[in-house]
Amino acid sequence: NALADAFLDKLAHDEETRFEVLGLFVQEVTKSTGDKQLDRQEVNAAA
């Protein structure tokens, strides 16, 4: 949660949006949270 909060803070204050990196992040997280359950590898991949 601390990592996610820091990520969201950086994202809110970032002047330059890097679509490729954010796209990969969104794909990874939505793939992981699709079954409404995260295992250790999925949490690590999101981090």
ModelCIF file with pLDDT and N, C-alpha, C, O atoms, coordinates in Angstrom:
data_MODEL
#
_entry.id   MODEL 
#
_entity.id                         1 
_entity.type                       polymer 
_entity.pdbx_number_of_molecules   1 
#
_entity_poly.entity_id                      1 
_entity_poly.type                           'polypeptide(L)' 
_entity_poly.nstd_linkage                   no 
_entity_poly.nstd_monomer                   no 
_entity_poly.pdbx_seq_one_letter_code       NALADAFLDKLAHDEETRFEVLGLFVQEVTKSTGDKQLDRQEVNAAA 
_entity_poly.pdbx_seq_one_letter_code_can   NALADAFLDKLAHDEETRFEVLGLFVQEVTKSTGDKQLDRQEVNAAA 
_entity_poly.pdbx_strand_id                 A 
#
loop_
_entity_poly_seq.entity_id 
_entity_poly_seq.num 
_entity_poly_seq.mon_id 
_entity_poly_seq.hetero 
1 1  ASN n 
1 2  ALA n 
1 3  LEU n 
1 4  ALA n 
1 5  ASP n 
1 6  ALA n 
1 7  PHE n 
1 8  LEU n 
1 9  ASP n 
1 10 LYS n 
1 11 LEU n 
1 12 ALA n 
1 13 HIS n 
1 14 ASP n 
1 15 GLU n 
1 16 GLU n 
1 17 THR n 
1 18 ARG n 
1 19 PHE n 
1 20 GLU n 
1 21 VAL n 
1 22 LEU n 
1 23 GLY n 
1 24 LEU n 
1 25 PHE n 
1 26 VAL n 
1 27 GLN n 
1 28 GLU n 
1 29 VAL n 
1 30 THR n 
1 31 LYS n 
1 32 SER n 
1 33 THR n 
1 34 GLY n 
1 35 ASP n 
1 36 LYS n 
1 37 GLN n 
1 38 LEU n 
1 39 ASP n 
1 40 ARG n 
1 41 GLN n 
1 42 GLU n 
1 43 VAL n 
1 44 ASN n 
1 45 ALA n 
1 46 ALA n 
1 47 ALA n 
#
_struct_asym.id          A 
_struct_asym.entity_id   1 
#
loop_
_ma_qa_metric.id 
_ma_qa_metric.mode 
_ma_qa_metric.name 
_ma_qa_metric.software_group_id 
_ma_qa_metric.type 
1 global pLDDT . pLDDT 
2 local  pLDDT . pLDDT 
#
_ma_qa_metric_global.metric_id      1 
_ma_qa_metric_global.metric_value   82.17 
_ma_qa_metric_global.model_id       1 
_ma_qa_metric_global.ordinal_id     1 
#
loop_
_ma_qa_metric_local.label_asym_id 
_ma_qa_metric_local.label_comp_id 
_ma_qa_metric_local.label_seq_id 
_ma_qa_metric_local.metric_id 
_ma_qa_metric_local.metric_value 
_ma_qa_metric_local.model_id 
_ma_qa_metric_local.ordinal_id 
A ASN 1  2 88.00 1 1  
A ALA 2  2 90.00 1 2  
A LEU 3  2 89.00 1 3  
A ALA 4  2 89.00 1 4  
A ASP 5  2 90.00 1 5  
A ALA 6  2 91.00 1 6  
A PHE 7  2 89.00 1 7  
A LEU 8  2 88.00 1 8  
A ASP 9  2 90.00 1 9  
A LYS 10 2 88.00 1 10 
A LEU 11 2 84.00 1 11 
A ALA 12 2 84.00 1 12 
A HIS 13 2 83.00 1 13 
A ASP 14 2 80.00 1 14 
A GLU 15 2 77.00 1 15 
A GLU 16 2 77.00 1 16 
A THR 17 2 72.00 1 17 
A ARG 18 2 75.00 1 18 
A PHE 19 2 75.00 1 19 
A GLU 20 2 76.00 1 20 
A VAL 21 2 77.00 1 21 
A LEU 22 2 82.00 1 22 
A GLY 23 2 81.00 1 23 
A LEU 24 2 81.00 1 24 
A PHE 25 2 82.00 1 25 
A VAL 26 2 85.00 1 26 
A GLN 27 2 85.00 1 27 
A GLU 28 2 81.00 1 28 
A VAL 29 2 83.00 1 29 
A THR 30 2 83.00 1 30 
A LYS 31 2 81.00 1 31 
A SER 32 2 77.00 1 32 
A THR 33 2 77.00 1 33 
A GLY 34 2 76.00 1 34 
A ASP 35 2 76.00 1 35 
A LYS 36 2 76.00 1 36 
A GLN 37 2 76.00 1 37 
A LEU 38 2 78.00 1 38 
A ASP 39 2 79.00 1 39 
A ARG 40 2 82.00 1 40 
A GLN 41 2 83.00 1 41 
A GLU 42 2 83.00 1 42 
A VAL 43 2 84.00 1 43 
A ASN 44 2 84.00 1 44 
A ALA 45 2 84.00 1 45 
A ALA 46 2 85.00 1 46 
A ALA 47 2 86.00 1 47 
#
loop_
_atom_site.group_PDB 
_atom_site.id 
_atom_site.type_symbol 
_atom_site.label_atom_id 
_atom_site.label_alt_id 
_atom_site.label_comp_id 
_atom_site.label_asym_id 
_atom_site.label_entity_id 
_atom_site.label_seq_id 
_atom_site.pdbx_PDB_ins_code 
_atom_site.Cartn_x 
_atom_site.Cartn_y 
_atom_site.Cartn_z 
_atom_site.occupancy 
_atom_site.B_iso_or_equiv 
_atom_site.pdbx_formal_charge 
_atom_site.auth_seq_id 
_atom_site.auth_comp_id 
_atom_site.auth_asym_id 
_atom_site.auth_atom_id 
_atom_site.pdbx_PDB_model_num 
ATOM 1   N N  . ASN A 1 1  ? 0.823   -1.207  0.000   1.00 88.00 ? 1  ASN A N  1 
ATOM 2   C CA . ASN A 1 1  ? 0.000   0.000   0.000   1.00 88.00 ? 1  ASN A CA 1 
ATOM 3   C C  . ASN A 1 1  ? 0.859   1.261   0.000   1.00 88.00 ? 1  ASN A C  1 
ATOM 4   O O  . ASN A 1 1  ? 0.519   2.247   -0.652  1.00 88.00 ? 1  ASN A O  1 
ATOM 5   N N  . ALA A 1 2  ? 1.970   1.228   0.730   1.00 90.00 ? 2  ALA A N  1 
ATOM 6   C CA . ALA A 1 2  ? 2.880   2.380   0.722   1.00 90.00 ? 2  ALA A CA 1 
ATOM 7   C C  . ALA A 1 2  ? 3.467   2.585   -0.667  1.00 90.00 ? 2  ALA A C  1 
ATOM 8   O O  . ALA A 1 2  ? 3.577   3.715   -1.141  1.00 90.00 ? 2  ALA A O  1 
ATOM 9   N N  . LEU A 1 3  ? 3.844   1.485   -1.319  1.00 89.00 ? 3  LEU A N  1 
ATOM 10  C CA . LEU A 1 3  ? 4.368   1.565   -2.686  1.00 89.00 ? 3  LEU A CA 1 
ATOM 11  C C  . LEU A 1 3  ? 3.297   2.108   -3.629  1.00 89.00 ? 3  LEU A C  1 
ATOM 12  O O  . LEU A 1 3  ? 3.578   2.982   -4.450  1.00 89.00 ? 3  LEU A O  1 
ATOM 13  N N  . ALA A 1 4  ? 2.075   1.594   -3.516  1.00 89.00 ? 4  ALA A N  1 
ATOM 14  C CA . ALA A 1 4  ? 0.994   2.050   -4.393  1.00 89.00 ? 4  ALA A CA 1 
ATOM 15  C C  . ALA A 1 4  ? 0.668   3.521   -4.151  1.00 89.00 ? 4  ALA A C  1 
ATOM 16  O O  . ALA A 1 4  ? 0.418   4.265   -5.099  1.00 89.00 ? 4  ALA A O  1 
ATOM 17  N N  . ASP A 1 5  ? 0.671   3.942   -2.892  1.00 90.00 ? 5  ASP A N  1 
ATOM 18  C CA . ASP A 1 5  ? 0.411   5.353   -2.597  1.00 90.00 ? 5  ASP A CA 1 
ATOM 19  C C  . ASP A 1 5  ? 1.508   6.257   -3.155  1.00 90.00 ? 5  ASP A C  1 
ATOM 20  O O  . ASP A 1 5  ? 1.228   7.330   -3.690  1.00 90.00 ? 5  ASP A O  1 
ATOM 21  N N  . ALA A 1 6  ? 2.763   5.813   -3.024  1.00 91.00 ? 6  ALA A N  1 
ATOM 22  C CA . ALA A 1 6  ? 3.865   6.598   -3.589  1.00 91.00 ? 6  ALA A CA 1 
ATOM 23  C C  . ALA A 1 6  ? 3.768   6.640   -5.114  1.00 91.00 ? 6  ALA A C  1 
ATOM 24  O O  . ALA A 1 6  ? 4.052   7.668   -5.728  1.00 91.00 ? 6  ALA A O  1 
ATOM 25  N N  . PHE A 1 7  ? 3.367   5.521   -5.725  1.00 89.00 ? 7  PHE A N  1 
ATOM 26  C CA . PHE A 1 7  ? 3.179   5.461   -7.174  1.00 89.00 ? 7  PHE A CA 1 
ATOM 27  C C  . PHE A 1 7  ? 2.092   6.445   -7.610  1.00 89.00 ? 7  PHE A C  1 
ATOM 28  O O  . PHE A 1 7  ? 2.269   7.196   -8.570  1.00 89.00 ? 7  PHE A O  1 
ATOM 29  N N  . LEU A 1 8  ? 0.969   6.432   -6.895  1.00 88.00 ? 8  LEU A N  1 
ATOM 30  C CA . LEU A 1 8  ? -0.136  7.334   -7.244  1.00 88.00 ? 8  LEU A CA 1 
ATOM 31  C C  . LEU A 1 8  ? 0.255   8.798   -7.060  1.00 88.00 ? 8  LEU A C  1 
ATOM 32  O O  . LEU A 1 8  ? -0.160  9.662   -7.831  1.00 88.00 ? 8  LEU A O  1 
ATOM 33  N N  . ASP A 1 9  ? 1.059   9.068   -6.028  1.00 90.00 ? 9  ASP A N  1 
ATOM 34  C CA . ASP A 1 9  ? 1.530   10.439  -5.808  1.00 90.00 ? 9  ASP A CA 1 
ATOM 35  C C  . ASP A 1 9  ? 2.452   10.882  -6.941  1.00 90.00 ? 9  ASP A C  1 
ATOM 36  O O  . ASP A 1 9  ? 2.326   11.994  -7.455  1.00 90.00 ? 9  ASP A O  1 
ATOM 37  N N  . LYS A 1 10 ? 3.382   10.003  -7.327  1.00 88.00 ? 10 LYS A N  1 
ATOM 38  C CA . LYS A 1 10 ? 4.285   10.324  -8.454  1.00 88.00 ? 10 LYS A CA 1 
ATOM 39  C C  . LYS A 1 10 ? 3.482   10.534  -9.733  1.00 88.00 ? 10 LYS A C  1 
ATOM 40  O O  . LYS A 1 10 ? 3.757   11.447  -10.512 1.00 88.00 ? 10 LYS A O  1 
ATOM 41  N N  . LEU A 1 11 ? 2.492   9.680   -9.935  1.00 84.00 ? 11 LEU A N  1 
ATOM 42  C CA . LEU A 1 11 ? 1.673   9.763   -11.141 1.00 84.00 ? 11 LEU A CA 1 
ATOM 43  C C  . LEU A 1 11 ? 0.910   11.084  -11.190 1.00 84.00 ? 11 LEU A C  1 
ATOM 44  O O  . LEU A 1 11 ? 0.791   11.696  -12.251 1.00 84.00 ? 11 LEU A O  1 
ATOM 45  N N  . ALA A 1 12 ? 0.400   11.516  -10.056 1.00 84.00 ? 12 ALA A N  1 
ATOM 46  C CA . ALA A 1 12 ? -0.376  12.758  -10.004 1.00 84.00 ? 12 ALA A CA 1 
ATOM 47  C C  . ALA A 1 12 ? 0.495   13.980  -10.266 1.00 84.00 ? 12 ALA A C  1 
ATOM 48  O O  . ALA A 1 12 ? 0.026   14.970  -10.826 1.00 84.00 ? 12 ALA A O  1 
ATOM 49  N N  . HIS A 1 13 ? 1.755   13.915  -9.864  1.00 83.00 ? 13 HIS A N  1 
ATOM 50  C CA . HIS A 1 13 ? 2.636   15.081  -10.000 1.00 83.00 ? 13 HIS A CA 1 
ATOM 51  C C  . HIS A 1 13 ? 3.605   14.971  -11.170 1.00 83.00 ? 13 HIS A C  1 
ATOM 52  O O  . HIS A 1 13 ? 4.465   15.834  -11.344 1.00 83.00 ? 13 HIS A O  1 
ATOM 53  N N  . ASP A 1 14 ? 3.476   13.928  -11.967 1.00 80.00 ? 14 ASP A N  1 
ATOM 54  C CA . ASP A 1 14 ? 4.372   13.731  -13.106 1.00 80.00 ? 14 ASP A CA 1 
ATOM 55  C C  . ASP A 1 14 ? 3.917   14.600  -14.272 1.00 80.00 ? 14 ASP A C  1 
ATOM 56  O O  . ASP A 1 14 ? 2.757   14.555  -14.680 1.00 80.00 ? 14 ASP A O  1 
ATOM 57  N N  . GLU A 1 15 ? 4.831   15.378  -14.793 1.00 77.00 ? 15 GLU A N  1 
ATOM 58  C CA . GLU A 1 15 ? 4.517   16.246  -15.926 1.00 77.00 ? 15 GLU A CA 1 
ATOM 59  C C  . GLU A 1 15 ? 4.502   15.475  -17.240 1.00 77.00 ? 15 GLU A C  1 
ATOM 60  O O  . GLU A 1 15 ? 3.710   15.774  -18.133 1.00 77.00 ? 15 GLU A O  1 
ATOM 61  N N  . GLU A 1 16 ? 5.370   14.495  -17.351 1.00 77.00 ? 16 GLU A N  1 
ATOM 62  C CA . GLU A 1 16 ? 5.490   13.729  -18.589 1.00 77.00 ? 16 GLU A CA 1 
ATOM 63  C C  . GLU A 1 16 ? 4.833   12.363  -18.398 1.00 77.00 ? 16 GLU A C  1 
ATOM 64  O O  . GLU A 1 16 ? 5.216   11.608  -17.505 1.00 77.00 ? 16 GLU A O  1 
ATOM 65  N N  . THR A 1 17 ? 3.859   12.049  -19.223 1.00 72.00 ? 17 THR A N  1 
ATOM 66  C CA . THR A 1 17 ? 3.186   10.762  -19.145 1.00 72.00 ? 17 THR A CA 1 
ATOM 67  C C  . THR A 1 17 ? 3.857   9.806   -20.119 1.00 72.00 ? 17 THR A C  1 
ATOM 68  O O  . THR A 1 17 ? 3.935   10.077  -21.318 1.00 72.00 ? 17 THR A O  1 
ATOM 69  N N  . ARG A 1 18 ? 4.340   8.691   -19.597 1.00 75.00 ? 18 ARG A N  1 
ATOM 70  C CA . ARG A 1 18 ? 4.970   7.664   -20.426 1.00 75.00 ? 18 ARG A CA 1 
ATOM 71  C C  . ARG A 1 18 ? 3.941   6.557   -20.683 1.00 75.00 ? 18 ARG A C  1 
ATOM 72  O O  . ARG A 1 18 ? 3.729   5.680   -19.846 1.00 75.00 ? 18 ARG A O  1 
ATOM 73  N N  . PHE A 1 19 ? 3.318   6.617   -21.842 1.00 75.00 ? 19 PHE A N  1 
ATOM 74  C CA . PHE A 1 19 ? 2.200   5.737   -22.140 1.00 75.00 ? 19 PHE A CA 1 
ATOM 75  C C  . PHE A 1 19 ? 2.595   4.270   -22.172 1.00 75.00 ? 19 PHE A C  1 
ATOM 76  O O  . PHE A 1 19 ? 1.829   3.416   -21.727 1.00 75.00 ? 19 PHE A O  1 
ATOM 77  N N  . GLU A 1 20 ? 3.776   3.965   -22.689 1.00 76.00 ? 20 GLU A N  1 
ATOM 78  C CA . GLU A 1 20 ? 4.187   2.577   -22.798 1.00 76.00 ? 20 GLU A CA 1 
ATOM 79  C C  . GLU A 1 20 ? 4.314   1.949   -21.416 1.00 76.00 ? 20 GLU A C  1 
ATOM 80  O O  . GLU A 1 20 ? 3.843   0.834   -21.193 1.00 76.00 ? 20 GLU A O  1 
ATOM 81  N N  . VAL A 1 21 ? 4.944   2.656   -20.496 1.00 77.00 ? 21 VAL A N  1 
ATOM 82  C CA . VAL A 1 21 ? 5.169   2.138   -19.154 1.00 77.00 ? 21 VAL A CA 1 
ATOM 83  C C  . VAL A 1 21 ? 3.843   2.032   -18.395 1.00 77.00 ? 21 VAL A C  1 
ATOM 84  O O  . VAL A 1 21 ? 3.578   1.027   -17.734 1.00 77.00 ? 21 VAL A O  1 
ATOM 85  N N  . LEU A 1 22 ? 3.022   3.065   -18.494 1.00 82.00 ? 22 LEU A N  1 
ATOM 86  C CA . LEU A 1 22 ? 1.726   3.019   -17.820 1.00 82.00 ? 22 LEU A CA 1 
ATOM 87  C C  . LEU A 1 22 ? 0.828   1.952   -18.430 1.00 82.00 ? 22 LEU A C  1 
ATOM 88  O O  . LEU A 1 22 ? 0.063   1.300   -17.719 1.00 82.00 ? 22 LEU A O  1 
ATOM 89  N N  . GLY A 1 23 ? 0.916   1.775   -19.724 1.00 81.00 ? 23 GLY A N  1 
ATOM 90  C CA . GLY A 1 23 ? 0.136   0.729   -20.382 1.00 81.00 ? 23 GLY A CA 1 
ATOM 91  C C  . GLY A 1 23 ? 0.529   -0.651  -19.903 1.00 81.00 ? 23 GLY A C  1 
ATOM 92  O O  . GLY A 1 23 ? -0.333  -1.492  -19.651 1.00 81.00 ? 23 GLY A O  1 
ATOM 93  N N  . LEU A 1 24 ? 1.833   -0.894  -19.773 1.00 81.00 ? 24 LEU A N  1 
ATOM 94  C CA . LEU A 1 24 ? 2.296   -2.184  -19.259 1.00 81.00 ? 24 LEU A CA 1 
ATOM 95  C C  . LEU A 1 24 ? 1.856   -2.389  -17.816 1.00 81.00 ? 24 LEU A C  1 
ATOM 96  O O  . LEU A 1 24 ? 1.486   -3.498  -17.431 1.00 81.00 ? 24 LEU A O  1 
ATOM 97  N N  . PHE A 1 25 ? 1.894   -1.322  -17.013 1.00 82.00 ? 25 PHE A N  1 
ATOM 98  C CA . PHE A 1 25 ? 1.445   -1.412  -15.631 1.00 82.00 ? 25 PHE A CA 1 
ATOM 99  C C  . PHE A 1 25 ? -0.036  -1.779  -15.571 1.00 82.00 ? 25 PHE A C  1 
ATOM 100 O O  . PHE A 1 25 ? -0.428  -2.683  -14.834 1.00 82.00 ? 25 PHE A O  1 
ATOM 101 N N  . VAL A 1 26 ? -0.848  -1.078  -16.342 1.00 85.00 ? 26 VAL A N  1 
ATOM 102 C CA . VAL A 1 26 ? -2.290  -1.333  -16.324 1.00 85.00 ? 26 VAL A CA 1 
ATOM 103 C C  . VAL A 1 26 ? -2.587  -2.755  -16.804 1.00 85.00 ? 26 VAL A C  1 
ATOM 104 O O  . VAL A 1 26 ? -3.437  -3.437  -16.230 1.00 85.00 ? 26 VAL A O  1 
ATOM 105 N N  . GLN A 1 27 ? -1.898  -3.202  -17.843 1.00 85.00 ? 27 GLN A N  1 
ATOM 106 C CA . GLN A 1 27 ? -2.099  -4.571  -18.335 1.00 85.00 ? 27 GLN A CA 1 
ATOM 107 C C  . GLN A 1 27 ? -1.737  -5.601  -17.274 1.00 85.00 ? 27 GLN A C  1 
ATOM 108 O O  . GLN A 1 27 ? -2.471  -6.565  -17.060 1.00 85.00 ? 27 GLN A O  1 
ATOM 109 N N  . GLU A 1 28 ? -0.618  -5.397  -16.618 1.00 81.00 ? 28 GLU A N  1 
ATOM 110 C CA . GLU A 1 28 ? -0.166  -6.347  -15.599 1.00 81.00 ? 28 GLU A CA 1 
ATOM 111 C C  . GLU A 1 28 ? -1.145  -6.413  -14.441 1.00 81.00 ? 28 GLU A C  1 
ATOM 112 O O  . GLU A 1 28 ? -1.485  -7.499  -13.973 1.00 81.00 ? 28 GLU A O  1 
ATOM 113 N N  . VAL A 1 29 ? -1.596  -5.266  -13.981 1.00 83.00 ? 29 VAL A N  1 
ATOM 114 C CA . VAL A 1 29 ? -2.486  -5.242  -12.819 1.00 83.00 ? 29 VAL A CA 1 
ATOM 115 C C  . VAL A 1 29 ? -3.868  -5.775  -13.178 1.00 83.00 ? 29 VAL A C  1 
ATOM 116 O O  . VAL A 1 29 ? -4.445  -6.538  -12.402 1.00 83.00 ? 29 VAL A O  1 
ATOM 117 N N  . THR A 1 30 ? -4.406  -5.401  -14.314 1.00 83.00 ? 30 THR A N  1 
ATOM 118 C CA . THR A 1 30 ? -5.736  -5.900  -14.675 1.00 83.00 ? 30 THR A CA 1 
ATOM 119 C C  . THR A 1 30 ? -5.708  -7.397  -14.950 1.00 83.00 ? 30 THR A C  1 
ATOM 120 O O  . THR A 1 30 ? -6.681  -8.097  -14.668 1.00 83.00 ? 30 THR A O  1 
ATOM 121 N N  . LYS A 1 31 ? -4.611  -7.892  -15.492 1.00 81.00 ? 31 LYS A N  1 
ATOM 122 C CA . LYS A 1 31 ? -4.471  -9.336  -15.692 1.00 81.00 ? 31 LYS A CA 1 
ATOM 123 C C  . LYS A 1 31 ? -4.420  -10.041 -14.340 1.00 81.00 ? 31 LYS A C  1 
ATOM 124 O O  . LYS A 1 31 ? -5.013  -11.106 -14.170 1.00 81.00 ? 31 LYS A O  1 
ATOM 125 N N  . SER A 1 32 ? -3.716  -9.453  -13.387 1.00 77.00 ? 32 SER A N  1 
ATOM 126 C CA . SER A 1 32 ? -3.563  -10.066 -12.073 1.00 77.00 ? 32 SER A CA 1 
ATOM 127 C C  . SER A 1 32 ? -4.839  -9.998  -11.250 1.00 77.00 ? 32 SER A C  1 
ATOM 128 O O  . SER A 1 32 ? -5.171  -10.953 -10.549 1.00 77.00 ? 32 SER A O  1 
ATOM 129 N N  . THR A 1 33 ? -5.555  -8.893  -11.323 1.00 77.00 ? 33 THR A N  1 
ATOM 130 C CA . THR A 1 33 ? -6.743  -8.720  -10.486 1.00 77.00 ? 33 THR A CA 1 
ATOM 131 C C  . THR A 1 33 ? -8.012  -9.219  -11.157 1.00 77.00 ? 33 THR A C  1 
ATOM 132 O O  . THR A 1 33 ? -9.102  -9.054  -10.609 1.00 77.00 ? 33 THR A O  1 
ATOM 133 N N  . GLY A 1 34 ? -7.896  -9.815  -12.308 1.00 76.00 ? 34 GLY A N  1 
ATOM 134 C CA . GLY A 1 34 ? -9.078  -10.289 -13.026 1.00 76.00 ? 34 GLY A CA 1 
ATOM 135 C C  . GLY A 1 34 ? -9.872  -11.326 -12.271 1.00 76.00 ? 34 GLY A C  1 
ATOM 136 O O  . GLY A 1 34 ? -11.099 -11.343 -12.362 1.00 76.00 ? 34 GLY A O  1 
ATOM 137 N N  . ASP A 1 35 ? -9.208  -12.192 -11.527 1.00 76.00 ? 35 ASP A N  1 
ATOM 138 C CA . ASP A 1 35 ? -9.900  -13.237 -10.771 1.00 76.00 ? 35 ASP A CA 1 
ATOM 139 C C  . ASP A 1 35 ? -10.232 -12.805 -9.345  1.00 76.00 ? 35 ASP A C  1 
ATOM 140 O O  . ASP A 1 35 ? -10.657 -13.626 -8.532  1.00 76.00 ? 35 ASP A O  1 
ATOM 141 N N  . LYS A 1 36 ? -10.042 -11.529 -9.038  1.00 76.00 ? 36 LYS A N  1 
ATOM 142 C CA . LYS A 1 36 ? -10.346 -10.941 -7.721  1.00 76.00 ? 36 LYS A CA 1 
ATOM 143 C C  . LYS A 1 36 ? -9.535  -11.581 -6.597  1.00 76.00 ? 36 LYS A C  1 
ATOM 144 O O  . LYS A 1 36 ? -9.957  -11.593 -5.441  1.00 76.00 ? 36 LYS A O  1 
ATOM 145 N N  . GLN A 1 37 ? -8.377  -12.106 -6.950  1.00 76.00 ? 37 GLN A N  1 
ATOM 146 C CA . GLN A 1 37 ? -7.488  -12.694 -5.959  1.00 76.00 ? 37 GLN A CA 1 
ATOM 147 C C  . GLN A 1 37 ? -6.066  -12.542 -6.476  1.00 76.00 ? 37 GLN A C  1 
ATOM 148 O O  . GLN A 1 37 ? -5.794  -12.767 -7.655  1.00 76.00 ? 37 GLN A O  1 
ATOM 149 N N  . LEU A 1 38 ? -5.166  -12.159 -5.582  1.00 78.00 ? 38 LEU A N  1 
ATOM 150 C CA . LEU A 1 38 ? -3.769  -11.985 -5.958  1.00 78.00 ? 38 LEU A CA 1 
ATOM 151 C C  . LEU A 1 38 ? -2.930  -13.021 -5.229  1.00 78.00 ? 38 LEU A C  1 
ATOM 152 O O  . LEU A 1 38 ? -3.097  -13.239 -4.029  1.00 78.00 ? 38 LEU A O  1 
ATOM 153 N N  . ASP A 1 39 ? -2.033  -13.652 -5.958  1.00 79.00 ? 39 ASP A N  1 
ATOM 154 C CA . ASP A 1 39 ? -1.065  -14.510 -5.283  1.00 79.00 ? 39 ASP A CA 1 
ATOM 155 C C  . ASP A 1 39 ? 0.260   -13.755 -5.183  1.00 79.00 ? 39 ASP A C  1 
ATOM 156 O O  . ASP A 1 39 ? 0.370   -12.608 -5.615  1.00 79.00 ? 39 ASP A O  1 
ATOM 157 N N  . ARG A 1 40 ? 1.241   -14.406 -4.616  1.00 82.00 ? 40 ARG A N  1 
ATOM 158 C CA . ARG A 1 40 ? 2.518   -13.745 -4.344  1.00 82.00 ? 40 ARG A CA 1 
ATOM 159 C C  . ARG A 1 40 ? 3.180   -13.232 -5.624  1.00 82.00 ? 40 ARG A C  1 
ATOM 160 O O  . ARG A 1 40 ? 3.692   -12.113 -5.648  1.00 82.00 ? 40 ARG A O  1 
ATOM 161 N N  . GLN A 1 41 ? 3.174   -14.034 -6.677  1.00 83.00 ? 41 GLN A N  1 
ATOM 162 C CA . GLN A 1 41 ? 3.812   -13.624 -7.930  1.00 83.00 ? 41 GLN A CA 1 
ATOM 163 C C  . GLN A 1 41 ? 3.093   -12.445 -8.562  1.00 83.00 ? 41 GLN A C  1 
ATOM 164 O O  . GLN A 1 41 ? 3.737   -11.557 -9.122  1.00 83.00 ? 41 GLN A O  1 
ATOM 165 N N  . GLU A 1 42 ? 1.772   -12.423 -8.481  1.00 83.00 ? 42 GLU A N  1 
ATOM 166 C CA . GLU A 1 42 ? 1.015   -11.319 -9.081  1.00 83.00 ? 42 GLU A CA 1 
ATOM 167 C C  . GLU A 1 42 ? 1.250   -10.008 -8.329  1.00 83.00 ? 42 GLU A C  1 
ATOM 168 O O  . GLU A 1 42 ? 1.339   -8.942  -8.937  1.00 83.00 ? 42 GLU A O  1 
ATOM 169 N N  . VAL A 1 43 ? 1.349   -10.098 -7.000  1.00 84.00 ? 43 VAL A N  1 
ATOM 170 C CA . VAL A 1 43 ? 1.641   -8.898  -6.209  1.00 84.00 ? 43 VAL A CA 1 
ATOM 171 C C  . VAL A 1 43 ? 3.039   -8.391  -6.554  1.00 84.00 ? 43 VAL A C  1 
ATOM 172 O O  . VAL A 1 43 ? 3.251   -7.190  -6.721  1.00 84.00 ? 43 VAL A O  1 
ATOM 173 N N  . ASN A 1 44 ? 3.981   -9.313  -6.657  1.00 84.00 ? 44 ASN A N  1 
ATOM 174 C CA . ASN A 1 44 ? 5.344   -8.924  -7.010  1.00 84.00 ? 44 ASN A CA 1 
ATOM 175 C C  . ASN A 1 44 ? 5.404   -8.328  -8.413  1.00 84.00 ? 44 ASN A C  1 
ATOM 176 O O  . ASN A 1 44 ? 6.125   -7.358  -8.648  1.00 84.00 ? 44 ASN A O  1 
ATOM 177 N N  . ALA A 1 45 ? 4.650   -8.905  -9.342  1.00 84.00 ? 45 ALA A N  1 
ATOM 178 C CA . ALA A 1 45 ? 4.643   -8.375  -10.708 1.00 84.00 ? 45 ALA A CA 1 
ATOM 179 C C  . ALA A 1 45 ? 4.049   -6.965  -10.740 1.00 84.00 ? 45 ALA A C  1 
ATOM 180 O O  . ALA A 1 45 ? 4.549   -6.099  -11.458 1.00 84.00 ? 45 ALA A O  1 
ATOM 181 N N  . ALA A 1 46 ? 2.997   -6.734  -9.973  1.00 85.00 ? 46 ALA A N  1 
ATOM 182 C CA . ALA A 1 46 ? 2.407   -5.395  -9.912  1.00 85.00 ? 46 ALA A CA 1 
ATOM 183 C C  . ALA A 1 46 ? 3.385   -4.405  -9.286  1.00 85.00 ? 46 ALA A C  1 
ATOM 184 O O  . ALA A 1 46 ? 3.504   -3.269  -9.745  1.00 85.00 ? 46 ALA A O  1 
ATOM 185 N N  . ALA A 1 47 ? 4.081   -4.836  -8.241  1.00 86.00 ? 47 ALA A N  1 
ATOM 186 C CA . ALA A 1 47 ? 5.059   -3.965  -7.586  1.00 86.00 ? 47 ALA A CA 1 
ATOM 187 C C  . ALA A 1 47 ? 6.209   -3.638  -8.533  1.00 86.00 ? 47 ALA A C  1 
ATOM 188 O O  . ALA A 1 47 ? 7.132   -2.915  -8.157  1.00 86.00 ? 47 ALA A O  1 
#
